[in-house]
Amino acid sequence: VEVEVGEPGPGEIRIRHKAVGLNFIDTYQRTGLYPFQMPLQLGMEASGIVEAVGEGVTHLKAGDRAAYASQPPGAYCELRVMPAKCVCKL
């Protein structure tokens, strides 16, 4: 499904993924062993390029290479907005 990804809010970043991890937890989520509410957003880790930062984000800036391996799920996408506190600079 195509969705519009907006601007990051305070404490958030927008990241364009270049690589996305696939791990056993993803298969467990797909089988229902670890239940999630629908619609399910899969993927717990990725790396890419920061496109924009929201107010208050100081450890990252647009153009930085960055990665994460944490909540919230949803790494199976090209572009997303997520909490900056979950993302580290590479």
PDB file of N, CA and C in Angstrom:
ATOM      1  N   VAL A   1       0.849  -1.170   0.000  1.00  0.00           N
ATOM      2  CA  VAL A   1       0.000   0.000   0.000  1.00  0.00           C
ATOM      3  C   VAL A   1       0.894   1.233   0.000  1.00  0.00           C
ATOM      4  N   GLU A   2       0.589   2.162  -0.855  1.00  0.00           N
ATOM      5  CA  GLU A   2       1.319   3.426  -0.889  1.00  0.00           C
ATOM      6  C   GLU A   2       0.706   4.368   0.143  1.00  0.00           C
ATOM      7  N   VAL A   3       1.546   4.940   0.991  1.00  0.00           N
ATOM      8  CA  VAL A   3       1.090   5.924   1.976  1.00  0.00           C
ATOM      9  C   VAL A   3       1.982   7.147   1.879  1.00  0.00           C
ATOM     10  N   GLU A   4       1.430   8.272   2.230  1.00  0.00           N
ATOM     11  CA  GLU A   4       2.215   9.497   2.243  1.00  0.00           C
ATOM     12  C   GLU A   4       2.942   9.601   3.574  1.00  0.00           C
ATOM     13  N   VAL A   5       4.227   9.847   3.510  1.00  0.00           N
ATOM     14  CA  VAL A   5       5.039  10.009   4.713  1.00  0.00           C
ATOM     15  C   VAL A   5       5.258  11.498   4.904  1.00  0.00           C
ATOM     16  N   GLY A   6       4.822  11.990   6.046  1.00  0.00           N
ATOM     17  CA  GLY A   6       4.886  13.422   6.305  1.00  0.00           C
ATOM     18  C   GLY A   6       6.199  13.868   6.916  1.00  0.00           C
ATOM     19  N   GLU A   7       6.153  15.057   7.450  1.00  0.00           N
ATOM     20  CA  GLU A   7       7.308  15.657   8.108  1.00  0.00           C
ATOM     21  C   GLU A   7       7.435  15.113   9.530  1.00  0.00           C
ATOM     22  N   PRO A   8       8.658  15.003  10.041  1.00  0.00           N
ATOM     23  CA  PRO A   8       8.828  14.557  11.428  1.00  0.00           C
ATOM     24  C   PRO A   8       8.363  15.630  12.413  1.00  0.00           C
ATOM     25  N   GLY A   9       7.765  15.178  13.493  1.00  0.00           N
ATOM     26  CA  GLY A   9       7.366  16.073  14.563  1.00  0.00           C
ATOM     27  C   GLY A   9       8.490  16.230  15.567  1.00  0.00           C
ATOM     28  N   PRO A  10       8.224  16.880  16.679  1.00  0.00           N
ATOM     29  CA  PRO A  10       9.248  17.044  17.716  1.00  0.00           C
ATOM     30  C   PRO A  10       9.794  15.691  18.172  1.00  0.00           C
ATOM     31  N   GLY A  11      11.126  15.575  18.211  1.00  0.00           N
ATOM     32  CA  GLY A  11      11.761  14.342  18.666  1.00  0.00           C
ATOM     33  C   GLY A  11      11.752  13.219  17.655  1.00  0.00           C
ATOM     34  N   GLU A  12      11.389  13.499  16.401  1.00  0.00           N
ATOM     35  CA  GLU A  12      11.309  12.465  15.372  1.00  0.00           C
ATOM     36  C   GLU A  12      12.250  12.773  14.210  1.00  0.00           C
ATOM     37  N   ILE A  13      12.510  11.736  13.417  1.00  0.00           N
ATOM     38  CA  ILE A  13      13.259  11.905  12.175  1.00  0.00           C
ATOM     39  C   ILE A  13      12.483  11.221  11.050  1.00  0.00           C
ATOM     40  N   ARG A  14      12.802  11.610   9.820  1.00  0.00           N
ATOM     41  CA  ARG A  14      12.339  10.876   8.644  1.00  0.00           C
ATOM     42  C   ARG A  14      13.575  10.247   8.024  1.00  0.00           C
ATOM     43  N   ILE A  15      13.526   8.923   7.828  1.00  0.00           N
ATOM     44  CA  ILE A  15      14.671   8.179   7.309  1.00  0.00           C
ATOM     45  C   ILE A  15      14.269   7.413   6.057  1.00  0.00           C
ATOM     46  N   ARG A  16      15.129   7.471   5.029  1.00  0.00           N
ATOM     47  CA  ARG A  16      14.958   6.692   3.800  1.00  0.00           C
ATOM     48  C   ARG A  16      15.845   5.464   3.916  1.00  0.00           C
ATOM     49  N   HIS A  17      15.230   4.294   3.931  1.00  0.00           N
ATOM     50  CA  HIS A  17      15.957   3.052   4.130  1.00  0.00           C
ATOM     51  C   HIS A  17      16.786   2.670   2.912  1.00  0.00           C
ATOM     52  N   LYS A  18      17.970   2.169   3.197  1.00  0.00           N
ATOM     53  CA  LYS A  18      18.858   1.599   2.187  1.00  0.00           C
ATOM     54  C   LYS A  18      19.035   0.104   2.409  1.00  0.00           C
ATOM     55  N   ALA A  19      18.870  -0.363   3.650  1.00  0.00           N
ATOM     56  CA  ALA A  19      18.959  -1.784   3.996  1.00  0.00           C
ATOM     57  C   ALA A  19      18.004  -2.069   5.143  1.00  0.00           C
ATOM     58  N   VAL A  20      17.351  -3.218   5.073  1.00  0.00           N
ATOM     59  CA  VAL A  20      16.386  -3.615   6.107  1.00  0.00           C
ATOM     60  C   VAL A  20      16.728  -5.028   6.551  1.00  0.00           C
ATOM     61  N   GLY A  21      16.751  -5.245   7.866  1.00  0.00           N
ATOM     62  CA  GLY A  21      17.081  -6.559   8.397  1.00  0.00           C
ATOM     63  C   GLY A  21      15.892  -7.500   8.410  1.00  0.00           C
ATOM     64  N   LEU A  22      16.164  -8.775   8.277  1.00  0.00           N
ATOM     65  CA  LEU A  22      15.160  -9.828   8.401  1.00  0.00           C
ATOM     66  C   LEU A  22      15.682 -10.807   9.439  1.00  0.00           C
ATOM     67  N   ASN A  23      14.922 -10.993  10.510  1.00  0.00           N
ATOM     68  CA  ASN A  23      15.344 -11.834  11.623  1.00  0.00           C
ATOM     69  C   ASN A  23      14.223 -12.779  12.035  1.00  0.00           C
ATOM     70  N   PHE A  24      14.541 -13.683  12.943  1.00  0.00           N
ATOM     71  CA  PHE A  24      13.547 -14.635  13.398  1.00  0.00           C
ATOM     72  C   PHE A  24      12.323 -13.953  13.997  1.00  0.00           C
ATOM     73  N   ILE A  25      12.510 -12.832  14.666  1.00  0.00           N
ATOM     74  CA  ILE A  25      11.348 -12.160  15.258  1.00  0.00           C
ATOM     75  C   ILE A  25      10.324 -11.799  14.187  1.00  0.00           C
ATOM     76  N   ASP A  26      10.786 -11.487  12.986  1.00  0.00           N
ATOM     77  CA  ASP A  26       9.872 -11.169  11.892  1.00  0.00           C
ATOM     78  C   ASP A  26       9.027 -12.384  11.515  1.00  0.00           C
ATOM     79  N   THR A  27       9.642 -13.561  11.487  1.00  0.00           N
ATOM     80  CA  THR A  27       8.878 -14.767  11.167  1.00  0.00           C
ATOM     81  C   THR A  27       7.907 -15.096  12.297  1.00  0.00           C
ATOM     82  N   TYR A  28       8.314 -14.865  13.528  1.00  0.00           N
ATOM     83  CA  TYR A  28       7.416 -15.113  14.654  1.00  0.00           C
ATOM     84  C   TYR A  28       6.197 -14.192  14.585  1.00  0.00           C
ATOM     85  N   GLN A  29       6.412 -12.947  14.211  1.00  0.00           N
ATOM     86  CA  GLN A  29       5.292 -12.005  14.078  1.00  0.00           C
ATOM     87  C   GLN A  29       4.369 -12.432  12.940  1.00  0.00           C
ATOM     88  N   ARG A  30       4.946 -12.879  11.833  1.00  0.00           N
ATOM     89  CA  ARG A  30       4.141 -13.296  10.680  1.00  0.00           C
ATOM     90  C   ARG A  30       3.283 -14.521  10.999  1.00  0.00           C
ATOM     91  N   THR A  31       3.808 -15.444  11.811  1.00  0.00           N
ATOM     92  CA  THR A  31       3.043 -16.649  12.133  1.00  0.00           C
ATOM     93  C   THR A  31       1.998 -16.403  13.218  1.00  0.00           C
ATOM     94  N   GLY A  32       2.106 -15.277  13.916  1.00  0.00           N
ATOM     95  CA  GLY A  32       1.167 -14.994  14.995  1.00  0.00           C
ATOM     96  C   GLY A  32       1.676 -15.404  16.357  1.00  0.00           C
ATOM     97  N   LEU A  33       2.879 -16.003  16.432  1.00  0.00           N
ATOM     98  CA  LEU A  33       3.448 -16.384  17.715  1.00  0.00           C
ATOM     99  C   LEU A  33       3.576 -15.166  18.618  1.00  0.00           C
ATOM    100  N   TYR A  34       4.010 -14.051  18.044  1.00  0.00           N
ATOM    101  CA  TYR A  34       4.035 -12.765  18.745  1.00  0.00           C
ATOM    102  C   TYR A  34       2.939 -11.911  18.135  1.00  0.00           C
ATOM    103  N   PRO A  35       1.761 -11.908  18.735  1.00  0.00           N
ATOM    104  CA  PRO A  35       0.634 -11.214  18.108  1.00  0.00           C
ATOM    105  C   PRO A  35       0.770  -9.693  18.146  1.00  0.00           C
ATOM    106  N   PHE A  36       0.357  -9.077  17.071  1.00  0.00           N
ATOM    107  CA  PHE A  36       0.287  -7.625  16.938  1.00  0.00           C
ATOM    108  C   PHE A  36      -1.095  -7.258  16.433  1.00  0.00           C
ATOM    109  N   GLN A  37      -1.493  -6.034  16.694  1.00  0.00           N
ATOM    110  CA  GLN A  37      -2.763  -5.557  16.165  1.00  0.00           C
ATOM    111  C   GLN A  37      -2.616  -5.283  14.674  1.00  0.00           C
ATOM    112  N   MET A  38      -3.697  -5.466  13.949  1.00  0.00           N
ATOM    113  CA  MET A  38      -3.703  -5.201  12.517  1.00  0.00           C
ATOM    114  C   MET A  38      -4.052  -3.742  12.275  1.00  0.00           C
ATOM    115  N   PRO A  39      -3.601  -3.107  11.225  1.00  0.00           N
ATOM    116  CA  PRO A  39      -2.712  -3.689  10.230  1.00  0.00           C
ATOM    117  C   PRO A  39      -1.304  -3.824  10.785  1.00  0.00           C
ATOM    118  N   LEU A  40      -0.669  -4.931  10.474  1.00  0.00           N
ATOM    119  CA  LEU A  40       0.648  -5.258  10.989  1.00  0.00           C
ATOM    120  C   LEU A  40       1.724  -4.515  10.217  1.00  0.00           C
ATOM    121  N   GLN A  41       2.610  -3.863  10.933  1.00  0.00           N
ATOM    122  CA  GLN A  41       3.778  -3.224  10.336  1.00  0.00           C
ATOM    123  C   GLN A  41       4.987  -4.025  10.800  1.00  0.00           C
ATOM    124  N   LEU A  42       5.646  -4.677   9.856  1.00  0.00           N
ATOM    125  CA  LEU A  42       6.755  -5.567  10.178  1.00  0.00           C
ATOM    126  C   LEU A  42       8.102  -4.864  10.069  1.00  0.00           C
ATOM    127  N   GLY A  43       9.097  -5.473  10.685  1.00  0.00           N
ATOM    128  CA  GLY A  43      10.475  -5.013  10.577  1.00  0.00           C
ATOM    129  C   GLY A  43      10.921  -4.223  11.783  1.00  0.00           C
ATOM    130  N   MET A  44      12.029  -4.662  12.376  1.00  0.00           N
ATOM    131  CA  MET A  44      12.519  -4.035  13.594  1.00  0.00           C
ATOM    132  C   MET A  44      13.852  -3.320  13.410  1.00  0.00           C
ATOM    133  N   GLU A  45      14.504  -3.484  12.243  1.00  0.00           N
ATOM    134  CA  GLU A  45      15.809  -2.836  12.099  1.00  0.00           C
ATOM    135  C   GLU A  45      16.062  -2.446  10.652  1.00  0.00           C
ATOM    136  N   ALA A  46      16.775  -1.342  10.503  1.00  0.00           N
ATOM    137  CA  ALA A  46      17.115  -0.842   9.172  1.00  0.00           C
ATOM    138  C   ALA A  46      18.228   0.194   9.288  1.00  0.00           C
ATOM    139  N   SER A  47      18.778   0.529   8.133  1.00  0.00           N
ATOM    140  CA  SER A  47      19.726   1.634   8.050  1.00  0.00           C
ATOM    141  C   SER A  47      19.393   2.442   6.807  1.00  0.00           C
ATOM    142  N   GLY A  48      19.815   3.696   6.826  1.00  0.00           N
ATOM    143  CA  GLY A  48      19.524   4.549   5.689  1.00  0.00           C
ATOM    144  C   GLY A  48      20.065   5.948   5.885  1.00  0.00           C
ATOM    145  N   ILE A  49      19.432   6.885   5.201  1.00  0.00           N
ATOM    146  CA  ILE A  49      19.848   8.276   5.219  1.00  0.00           C
ATOM    147  C   ILE A  49      18.743   9.121   5.855  1.00  0.00           C
ATOM    148  N   VAL A  50      19.120   9.934   6.827  1.00  0.00           N
ATOM    149  CA  VAL A  50      18.170  10.845   7.467  1.00  0.00           C
ATOM    150  C   VAL A  50      17.816  11.932   6.457  1.00  0.00           C
ATOM    151  N   GLU A  51      16.529  12.106   6.208  1.00  0.00           N
ATOM    152  CA  GLU A  51      16.076  13.142   5.272  1.00  0.00           C
ATOM    153  C   GLU A  51      15.660  14.426   5.974  1.00  0.00           C
ATOM    154  N   ALA A  52      15.125  14.289   7.186  1.00  0.00           N
ATOM    155  CA  ALA A  52      14.651  15.465   7.923  1.00  0.00           C
ATOM    156  C   ALA A  52      14.621  15.148   9.406  1.00  0.00           C
ATOM    157  N   VAL A  53      14.787  16.176  10.222  1.00  0.00           N
ATOM    158  CA  VAL A  53      14.713  16.015  11.676  1.00  0.00           C
ATOM    159  C   VAL A  53      13.696  16.990  12.240  1.00  0.00           C
ATOM    160  N   GLY A  54      13.021  16.541  13.289  1.00  0.00           N
ATOM    161  CA  GLY A  54      12.060  17.391  13.962  1.00  0.00           C
ATOM    162  C   GLY A  54      12.715  18.232  15.040  1.00  0.00           C
ATOM    163  N   GLU A  55      11.931  19.110  15.594  1.00  0.00           N
ATOM    164  CA  GLU A  55      12.389  19.998  16.660  1.00  0.00           C
ATOM    165  C   GLU A  55      12.946  19.200  17.826  1.00  0.00           C
ATOM    166  N   GLY A  56      14.086  19.663  18.355  1.00  0.00           N
ATOM    167  CA  GLY A  56      14.680  19.049  19.535  1.00  0.00           C
ATOM    168  C   GLY A  56      15.645  17.920  19.248  1.00  0.00           C
ATOM    169  N   VAL A  57      15.776  17.498  18.008  1.00  0.00           N
ATOM    170  CA  VAL A  57      16.708  16.422  17.668  1.00  0.00           C
ATOM    171  C   VAL A  57      18.081  17.043  17.438  1.00  0.00           C
ATOM    172  N   THR A  58      19.052  16.621  18.241  1.00  0.00           N
ATOM    173  CA  THR A  58      20.384  17.230  18.163  1.00  0.00           C
ATOM    174  C   THR A  58      21.479  16.257  17.733  1.00  0.00           C
ATOM    175  N   HIS A  59      21.251  14.948  17.850  1.00  0.00           N
ATOM    176  CA  HIS A  59      22.314  13.982  17.529  1.00  0.00           C
ATOM    177  C   HIS A  59      22.298  13.540  16.067  1.00  0.00           C
ATOM    178  N   LEU A  60      21.297  13.967  15.313  1.00  0.00           N
ATOM    179  CA  LEU A  60      21.197  13.619  13.896  1.00  0.00           C
ATOM    180  C   LEU A  60      20.835  14.857  13.099  1.00  0.00           C
ATOM    181  N   LYS A  61      21.221  14.835  11.804  1.00  0.00           N
ATOM    182  CA  LYS A  61      20.842  15.924  10.911  1.00  0.00           C
ATOM    183  C   LYS A  61      20.571  15.337   9.529  1.00  0.00           C
ATOM    184  N   ALA A  62      19.888  16.078   8.680  1.00  0.00           N
ATOM    185  CA  ALA A  62      19.618  15.629   7.324  1.00  0.00           C
ATOM    186  C   ALA A  62      20.930  15.297   6.632  1.00  0.00           C
ATOM    187  N   GLY A  63      20.960  14.149   5.946  1.00  0.00           N
ATOM    188  CA  GLY A  63      22.154  13.690   5.248  1.00  0.00           C
ATOM    189  C   GLY A  63      22.968  12.674   6.015  1.00  0.00           C
ATOM    190  N   ASP A  64      22.732  12.528   7.322  1.00  0.00           N
ATOM    191  CA  ASP A  64      23.468  11.545   8.127  1.00  0.00           C
ATOM    192  C   ASP A  64      23.078  10.122   7.740  1.00  0.00           C
ATOM    193  N   ARG A  65      24.078   9.235   7.734  1.00  0.00           N
ATOM    194  CA  ARG A  65      23.818   7.805   7.657  1.00  0.00           C
ATOM    195  C   ARG A  65      23.421   7.362   9.062  1.00  0.00           C
ATOM    196  N   ALA A  66      22.380   6.553   9.182  1.00  0.00           N
ATOM    197  CA  ALA A  66      21.878   6.186  10.502  1.00  0.00           C
ATOM    198  C   ALA A  66      21.285   4.775  10.468  1.00  0.00           C
ATOM    199  N   ALA A  67      21.093   4.206  11.667  1.00  0.00           N
ATOM    200  CA  ALA A  67      20.544   2.861  11.784  1.00  0.00           C
ATOM    201  C   ALA A  67      19.760   2.728  13.085  1.00  0.00           C
ATOM    202  N   TYR A  68      18.920   1.695  13.118  1.00  0.00           N
ATOM    203  CA  TYR A  68      18.181   1.380  14.349  1.00  0.00           C
ATOM    204  C   TYR A  68      17.859  -0.104  14.382  1.00  0.00           C
ATOM    205  N   ALA A  69      17.611  -0.602  15.580  1.00  0.00           N
ATOM    206  CA  ALA A  69      17.217  -1.998  15.795  1.00  0.00           C
ATOM    207  C   ALA A  69      16.325  -2.042  17.021  1.00  0.00           C
ATOM    208  N   SER A  70      15.157  -1.427  16.905  1.00  0.00           N
ATOM    209  CA  SER A  70      14.294  -1.317  18.082  1.00  0.00           C
ATOM    210  C   SER A  70      12.857  -0.995  17.678  1.00  0.00           C
ATOM    211  N   GLN A  71      12.026  -0.866  18.667  1.00  0.00           N
ATOM    212  CA  GLN A  71      10.659  -0.410  18.481  1.00  0.00           C
ATOM    213  C   GLN A  71      10.675   1.012  17.938  1.00  0.00           C
ATOM    214  N   PRO A  72       9.655   1.479  17.313  1.00  0.00           N
ATOM    215  CA  PRO A  72       8.454   0.748  16.915  1.00  0.00           C
ATOM    216  C   PRO A  72       8.687  -0.038  15.631  1.00  0.00           C
ATOM    217  N   PRO A  73       7.956  -1.154  15.455  1.00  0.00           N
ATOM    218  CA  PRO A  73       8.089  -1.918  14.229  1.00  0.00           C
ATOM    219  C   PRO A  73       7.643  -1.081  13.022  1.00  0.00           C
ATOM    220  N   GLY A  74       8.059  -1.521  11.846  1.00  0.00           N
ATOM    221  CA  GLY A  74       7.662  -0.827  10.633  1.00  0.00           C
ATOM    222  C   GLY A  74       8.798  -0.583   9.670  1.00  0.00           C
ATOM    223  N   ALA A  75       9.894  -1.336   9.799  1.00  0.00           N
ATOM    224  CA  ALA A  75      11.069  -1.120   8.948  1.00  0.00           C
ATOM    225  C   ALA A  75      10.860  -1.592   7.511  1.00  0.00           C
ATOM    226  N   TYR A  76       9.846  -2.400   7.238  1.00  0.00           N
ATOM    227  CA  TYR A  76       9.631  -2.906   5.886  1.00  0.00           C
ATOM    228  C   TYR A  76       8.977  -1.814   5.034  1.00  0.00           C
ATOM    229  N   CYS A  77       9.711  -0.779   4.765  1.00  0.00           N
ATOM    230  CA  CYS A  77       9.210   0.333   3.950  1.00  0.00           C
ATOM    231  C   CYS A  77      10.400   1.081   3.379  1.00  0.00           C
ATOM    232  N   GLU A  78      10.144   1.956   2.451  1.00  0.00           N
ATOM    233  CA  GLU A  78      11.205   2.752   1.856  1.00  0.00           C
ATOM    234  C   GLU A  78      11.534   3.984   2.688  1.00  0.00           C
ATOM    235  N   LEU A  79      10.522   4.542   3.312  1.00  0.00           N
ATOM    236  CA  LEU A  79      10.645   5.823   4.003  1.00  0.00           C
ATOM    237  C   LEU A  79       9.714   5.819   5.195  1.00  0.00           C
ATOM    238  N   ARG A  80      10.186   6.347   6.327  1.00  0.00           N
ATOM    239  CA  ARG A  80       9.309   6.404   7.503  1.00  0.00           C
ATOM    240  C   ARG A  80       9.725   7.524   8.429  1.00  0.00           C
ATOM    241  N   VAL A  81       8.795   7.893   9.303  1.00  0.00           N
ATOM    242  CA  VAL A  81       9.049   8.821  10.409  1.00  0.00           C
ATOM    243  C   VAL A  81       9.046   7.979  11.674  1.00  0.00           C
ATOM    244  N   MET A  82      10.035   8.219  12.540  1.00  0.00           N
ATOM    245  CA  MET A  82      10.116   7.452  13.773  1.00  0.00           C
ATOM    246  C   MET A  82      10.827   8.249  14.864  1.00  0.00           C
ATOM    247  N   PRO A  83      10.747   7.796  16.123  1.00  0.00           N
ATOM    248  CA  PRO A  83      11.406   8.516  17.214  1.00  0.00           C
ATOM    249  C   PRO A  83      12.914   8.558  17.019  1.00  0.00           C
ATOM    250  N   ALA A  84      13.488   9.741  17.109  1.00  0.00           N
ATOM    251  CA  ALA A  84      14.929   9.922  16.937  1.00  0.00           C
ATOM    252  C   ALA A  84      15.718   9.215  18.033  1.00  0.00           C
ATOM    253  N   LYS A  85      15.135   9.068  19.221  1.00  0.00           N
ATOM    254  CA  LYS A  85      15.857   8.426  20.333  1.00  0.00           C
ATOM    255  C   LYS A  85      16.172   6.961  20.032  1.00  0.00           C
ATOM    256  N   CYS A  86      15.519   6.358  19.044  1.00  0.00           N
ATOM    257  CA  CYS A  86      15.751   4.959  18.685  1.00  0.00           C
ATOM    258  C   CYS A  86      16.798   4.810  17.587  1.00  0.00           C
ATOM    259  N   VAL A  87      17.329   5.920  17.081  1.00  0.00           N
ATOM    260  CA  VAL A  87      18.199   5.900  15.914  1.00  0.00           C
ATOM    261  C   VAL A  87      19.582   6.407  16.277  1.00  0.00           C
ATOM    262  N   CYS A  88      20.617   5.725  15.779  1.00  0.00           N
ATOM    263  CA  CYS A  88      21.996   6.179  16.022  1.00  0.00           C
ATOM    264  C   CYS A  88      22.663   6.533  14.696  1.00  0.00           C
ATOM    265  N   LYS A  89      23.600   7.465  14.775  1.00  0.00           N
ATOM    266  CA  LYS A  89      24.363   7.868  13.608  1.00  0.00           C
ATOM    267  C   LYS A  89      25.414   6.804  13.306  1.00  0.00           C
ATOM    268  N   LEU A  90      25.617   6.515  12.024  1.00  0.00           N
ATOM    269  CA  LEU A  90      26.664   5.573  11.611  1.00  0.00           C
ATOM    270  C   LEU A  90      27.924   6.315  11.239  1.00  0.00           C
TER     271      LEU A  90
END
